[in-house]
Each structure stands twice: as structure tokens, then as C-alpha cells.
Amino acid sequence: MSSISRRDAVFPAKGHALYDVHKYSAAIRSGDLLFVSGQVGSRADGSPEPVFEDQVRLAFANLREVLAAAGLTFDDVVDVTSFHTDPGTQFESFMAVRETEIGAPPYPNWTAVGVNWLAGFDFEIKVIARIPAPVPSA
């Protein structure tokens, strides 16, 4: 099987219950890309963090843990999609949290989508990250 078609699952050391309950991988490494499943503000038991800003912070924390499990950081992210159940009232709070999370330019491209259902959550973030090529040893 060629490495381009191979899928390697990536899970953080302390994942949340949703991975098992809904039977999905936190991320899939394929070639030099990491496709991270949508991360929500889920507590360890899979329940949503009730305060919106805290839910967004926890979603970013869950995302950082998945990226770290693959040896990456947000600096390796090239594409972001965020999902919002009520963008009109949530966007200002979201942007305040986002500002503390995304780091310095250049920023990844980002698409924000308004949705009407996120399985009890109000925010979800999914990303694609580029896995840097190994540095050849001298």
C-alpha cells in the first residue's frame, strides 16, 4: 500500500468519550497532511462545557492536544473550518478567544459556517495541518 493512501489514526493521550461513543478518530495522518476531526468543547465524559466562551476555549485546548499527539502545533495548521450555532450573537465572543489561540501571522485560511445543530454543542473547529518534512541528519 502506498503511503499516500495509508491512514494512520492519531489520538491525544487524554481523549474525551465522544471518540468511542461516536466511533471516529481524533485525526488521520495521510502522507504529509493531518486531518483533524471537528473538536468541540467537550469535557472528558463527552458533555458540553455550558458557558460558550469556555466551550470555545476547551475546543481549542482539545485541538491543541490532538495536534500535539501528532507532534504539531497550531503553527502547522493550513486550513480551518469553524461551525457556530448562532454566529450573530456568538461571533464577538468567539473572536476574542480566537485572538488568544491562533498565534502570529501568517494565519491559516479560515471558513466560519453557521449551522443549526452540533449535537448539543455551540461551537466546533476542524483543521488540516501540514506535517513538516523530517530534517535530514548531517
C-alpha atoms as a PDB file:
ATOM      1  CA  MET A   1       0.000   0.000   0.000  1.00  0.00           C
ATOM      2  CA  SER A   2       1.456   3.387  -0.896  1.00  0.00           C
ATOM      3  CA  SER A   3       1.963   5.929   1.889  1.00  0.00           C
ATOM      4  CA  ILE A   4      -0.363   8.401   0.154  1.00  0.00           C
ATOM      5  CA  SER A   5      -3.366   6.109   0.594  1.00  0.00           C
ATOM      6  CA  ARG A   6      -2.473   4.967   4.112  1.00  0.00           C
ATOM      7  CA  ARG A   7      -4.483   6.312   7.034  1.00  0.00           C
ATOM      8  CA  ASP A   8      -2.889   6.454  10.472  1.00  0.00           C
ATOM      9  CA  ALA A   9      -5.190   7.378  13.354  1.00  0.00           C
ATOM     10  CA  VAL A  10      -3.948   9.920  15.900  1.00  0.00           C
ATOM     11  CA  PHE A  11      -5.439  10.267  19.386  1.00  0.00           C
ATOM     12  CA  PRO A  12      -4.414  12.560  22.246  1.00  0.00           C
ATOM     13  CA  ALA A  13      -3.217  10.928  25.466  1.00  0.00           C
ATOM     14  CA  LYS A  14      -6.331  12.058  27.319  1.00  0.00           C
ATOM     15  CA  GLY A  15      -9.116  11.967  24.770  1.00  0.00           C
ATOM     16  CA  HIS A  16     -12.772  12.511  25.517  1.00  0.00           C
ATOM     17  CA  ALA A  17     -15.563   9.940  25.468  1.00  0.00           C
ATOM     18  CA  LEU A  18     -17.003  11.158  22.149  1.00  0.00           C
ATOM     19  CA  TYR A  19     -14.337   9.316  20.136  1.00  0.00           C
ATOM     20  CA  ASP A  20     -15.567   5.966  21.448  1.00  0.00           C
ATOM     21  CA  VAL A  21     -19.270   6.823  21.629  1.00  0.00           C
ATOM     22  CA  HIS A  22     -19.456   8.053  18.019  1.00  0.00           C
ATOM     23  CA  LYS A  23     -16.657   5.808  16.680  1.00  0.00           C
ATOM     24  CA  TYR A  24     -14.318   8.270  14.994  1.00  0.00           C
ATOM     25  CA  SER A  25     -10.631   9.130  15.105  1.00  0.00           C
ATOM     26  CA  ALA A  26      -9.414  12.398  16.575  1.00  0.00           C
ATOM     27  CA  ALA A  27      -7.251  12.823  13.478  1.00  0.00           C
ATOM     28  CA  ILE A  28      -5.987  10.910  10.481  1.00  0.00           C
ATOM     29  CA  ARG A  29      -2.446  11.286   9.182  1.00  0.00           C
ATOM     30  CA  SER A  30      -2.245  10.730   5.439  1.00  0.00           C
ATOM     31  CA  GLY A  31       1.011  11.493   3.678  1.00  0.00           C
ATOM     32  CA  ASP A  32       2.229  14.878   4.861  1.00  0.00           C
ATOM     33  CA  LEU A  33      -1.218  16.053   5.998  1.00  0.00           C
ATOM     34  CA  LEU A  34      -3.101  15.689   9.256  1.00  0.00           C
ATOM     35  CA  PHE A  35      -6.890  15.869   9.017  1.00  0.00           C
ATOM     36  CA  VAL A  36      -8.288  16.701  12.450  1.00  0.00           C
ATOM     37  CA  SER A  37     -11.901  15.810  13.192  1.00  0.00           C
ATOM     38  CA  GLY A  38     -14.132  18.579  14.466  1.00  0.00           C
ATOM     39  CA  GLN A  39     -13.176  19.407  18.046  1.00  0.00           C
ATOM     40  CA  VAL A  40     -15.830  20.619  20.449  1.00  0.00           C
ATOM     41  CA  GLY A  41     -15.732  21.979  23.977  1.00  0.00           C
ATOM     42  CA  SER A  42     -16.211  18.516  25.416  1.00  0.00           C
ATOM     43  CA  ARG A  43     -15.369  17.570  28.947  1.00  0.00           C
ATOM     44  CA  ALA A  44     -13.706  14.168  29.489  1.00  0.00           C
ATOM     45  CA  ASP A  45     -17.119  12.483  29.833  1.00  0.00           C
ATOM     46  CA  GLY A  46     -18.262  13.898  26.480  1.00  0.00           C
ATOM     47  CA  SER A  47     -20.609  16.529  27.917  1.00  0.00           C
ATOM     48  CA  PRO A  48     -20.521  20.109  26.621  1.00  0.00           C
ATOM     49  CA  GLU A  49     -18.924  22.898  28.630  1.00  0.00           C
ATOM     50  CA  PRO A  50     -22.011  25.046  29.389  1.00  0.00           C
ATOM     51  CA  VAL A  51     -20.554  28.589  29.105  1.00  0.00           C
ATOM     52  CA  PHE A  52     -19.999  29.495  25.436  1.00  0.00           C
ATOM     53  CA  GLU A  53     -16.591  31.209  25.819  1.00  0.00           C
ATOM     54  CA  ASP A  54     -15.342  28.321  27.976  1.00  0.00           C
ATOM     55  CA  GLN A  55     -16.679  25.848  25.398  1.00  0.00           C
ATOM     56  CA  VAL A  56     -14.658  27.606  22.681  1.00  0.00           C
ATOM     57  CA  ARG A  57     -11.527  27.633  24.882  1.00  0.00           C
ATOM     58  CA  LEU A  58     -11.966  23.930  25.625  1.00  0.00           C
ATOM     59  CA  ALA A  59     -12.453  23.141  21.916  1.00  0.00           C
ATOM     60  CA  PHE A  60      -9.153  24.892  21.166  1.00  0.00           C
ATOM     61  CA  ALA A  61      -7.498  23.021  24.070  1.00  0.00           C
ATOM     62  CA  ASN A  62      -8.804  19.722  22.680  1.00  0.00           C
ATOM     63  CA  LEU A  63      -7.487  20.727  19.256  1.00  0.00           C
ATOM     64  CA  ARG A  64      -4.041  21.549  20.709  1.00  0.00           C
ATOM     65  CA  GLU A  65      -3.933  18.101  22.360  1.00  0.00           C
ATOM     66  CA  VAL A  66      -4.721  16.349  19.071  1.00  0.00           C
ATOM     67  CA  LEU A  67      -2.113  18.399  17.211  1.00  0.00           C
ATOM     68  CA  ALA A  68       0.458  17.684  19.945  1.00  0.00           C
ATOM     69  CA  ALA A  69      -0.242  13.948  19.679  1.00  0.00           C
ATOM     70  CA  ALA A  70       0.942  14.232  16.064  1.00  0.00           C
ATOM     71  CA  GLY A  71       3.957  16.367  17.033  1.00  0.00           C
ATOM     72  CA  LEU A  72       2.386  19.544  15.649  1.00  0.00           C
ATOM     73  CA  THR A  73       1.164  22.941  16.853  1.00  0.00           C
ATOM     74  CA  PHE A  74      -1.336  25.481  15.553  1.00  0.00           C
ATOM     75  CA  ASP A  75       1.561  26.955  13.527  1.00  0.00           C
ATOM     76  CA  ASP A  76       1.350  23.852  11.302  1.00  0.00           C
ATOM     77  CA  VAL A  77      -2.355  24.404  10.550  1.00  0.00           C
ATOM     78  CA  VAL A  78      -3.112  25.485   6.980  1.00  0.00           C
ATOM     79  CA  ASP A  79      -6.918  25.237   6.842  1.00  0.00           C
ATOM     80  CA  VAL A  80      -9.576  25.883   9.492  1.00  0.00           C
ATOM     81  CA  THR A  81     -13.333  25.463   9.432  1.00  0.00           C
ATOM     82  CA  SER A  82     -15.339  26.582  12.439  1.00  0.00           C
ATOM     83  CA  PHE A  83     -19.019  25.858  12.989  1.00  0.00           C
ATOM     84  CA  HIS A  84     -21.281  28.179  15.005  1.00  0.00           C
ATOM     85  CA  THR A  85     -24.886  27.564  16.094  1.00  0.00           C
ATOM     86  CA  ASP A  86     -25.680  31.278  16.494  1.00  0.00           C
ATOM     87  CA  PRO A  87     -22.999  33.294  14.714  1.00  0.00           C
ATOM     88  CA  GLY A  88     -24.777  36.616  15.158  1.00  0.00           C
ATOM     89  CA  THR A  89     -24.610  36.506  18.944  1.00  0.00           C
ATOM     90  CA  GLN A  90     -21.510  34.312  19.341  1.00  0.00           C
ATOM     91  CA  PHE A  91     -19.061  35.839  16.897  1.00  0.00           C
ATOM     92  CA  GLU A  92     -17.669  38.620  19.097  1.00  0.00           C
ATOM     93  CA  SER A  93     -17.005  36.201  21.973  1.00  0.00           C
ATOM     94  CA  PHE A  94     -15.544  33.662  19.564  1.00  0.00           C
ATOM     95  CA  MET A  95     -13.203  36.231  18.014  1.00  0.00           C
ATOM     96  CA  ALA A  96     -11.922  37.271  21.460  1.00  0.00           C
ATOM     97  CA  VAL A  97     -10.992  33.667  22.276  1.00  0.00           C
ATOM     98  CA  ARG A  98      -9.656  33.037  18.756  1.00  0.00           C
ATOM     99  CA  GLU A  99      -7.322  36.021  19.090  1.00  0.00           C
ATOM    100  CA  THR A 100      -5.567  34.341  22.039  1.00  0.00           C
ATOM    101  CA  GLU A 101      -5.257  30.992  20.248  1.00  0.00           C
ATOM    102  CA  ILE A 102      -4.064  31.467  16.678  1.00  0.00           C
ATOM    103  CA  GLY A 103      -0.564  32.883  17.076  1.00  0.00           C
ATOM    104  CA  ALA A 104       1.298  35.209  14.777  1.00  0.00           C
ATOM    105  CA  PRO A 105       0.882  35.698  11.019  1.00  0.00           C
ATOM    106  CA  PRO A 106       0.821  34.233   8.513  1.00  0.00           C
ATOM    107  CA  TYR A 107      -2.591  32.948   9.536  1.00  0.00           C
ATOM    108  CA  PRO A 108      -4.196  29.824   8.094  1.00  0.00           C
ATOM    109  CA  ASN A 109      -7.155  30.250   5.806  1.00  0.00           C
ATOM    110  CA  TRP A 110     -10.410  30.089   7.758  1.00  0.00           C
ATOM    111  CA  THR A 111     -14.047  29.456   6.926  1.00  0.00           C
ATOM    112  CA  ALA A 112     -16.754  30.083   9.534  1.00  0.00           C
ATOM    113  CA  VAL A 113     -20.080  28.344   8.972  1.00  0.00           C
ATOM    114  CA  GLY A 114     -23.423  28.915  10.697  1.00  0.00           C
ATOM    115  CA  VAL A 115     -25.205  25.648  11.498  1.00  0.00           C
ATOM    116  CA  ASN A 116     -28.372  24.719  13.339  1.00  0.00           C
ATOM    117  CA  TRP A 117     -27.138  21.619  15.189  1.00  0.00           C
ATOM    118  CA  LEU A 118     -23.857  20.404  16.723  1.00  0.00           C
ATOM    119  CA  ALA A 119     -25.066  17.514  18.914  1.00  0.00           C
ATOM    120  CA  GLY A 120     -25.561  19.709  21.973  1.00  0.00           C
ATOM    121  CA  PHE A 121     -22.523  21.924  21.404  1.00  0.00           C
ATOM    122  CA  ASP A 122     -22.448  25.541  20.204  1.00  0.00           C
ATOM    123  CA  PHE A 123     -19.027  25.557  18.537  1.00  0.00           C
ATOM    124  CA  GLU A 124     -16.825  23.126  16.632  1.00  0.00           C
ATOM    125  CA  ILE A 125     -13.448  23.548  14.949  1.00  0.00           C
ATOM    126  CA  LYS A 126     -11.787  21.254  12.418  1.00  0.00           C
ATOM    127  CA  VAL A 127      -8.420  21.741  10.783  1.00  0.00           C
ATOM    128  CA  ILE A 128      -5.972  20.391   8.259  1.00  0.00           C
ATOM    129  CA  ALA A 129      -2.306  20.667   9.208  1.00  0.00           C
ATOM    130  CA  ARG A 130       0.840  20.122   7.195  1.00  0.00           C
ATOM    131  CA  ILE A 131       3.351  17.724   8.708  1.00  0.00           C
ATOM    132  CA  PRO A 132       6.828  19.159   8.204  1.00  0.00           C
ATOM    133  CA  ALA A 133       9.314  17.007   6.334  1.00  0.00           C
ATOM    134  CA  PRO A 134      11.923  15.447   8.595  1.00  0.00           C
ATOM    135  CA  VAL A 135      15.180  17.371   8.705  1.00  0.00           C
ATOM    136  CA  PRO A 136      17.918  15.187   7.240  1.00  0.00           C
ATOM    137  CA  SER A 137      20.690  14.387   9.678  1.00  0.00           C
ATOM    138  CA  ALA A 138      24.139  15.662   8.815  1.00  0.00           C
END
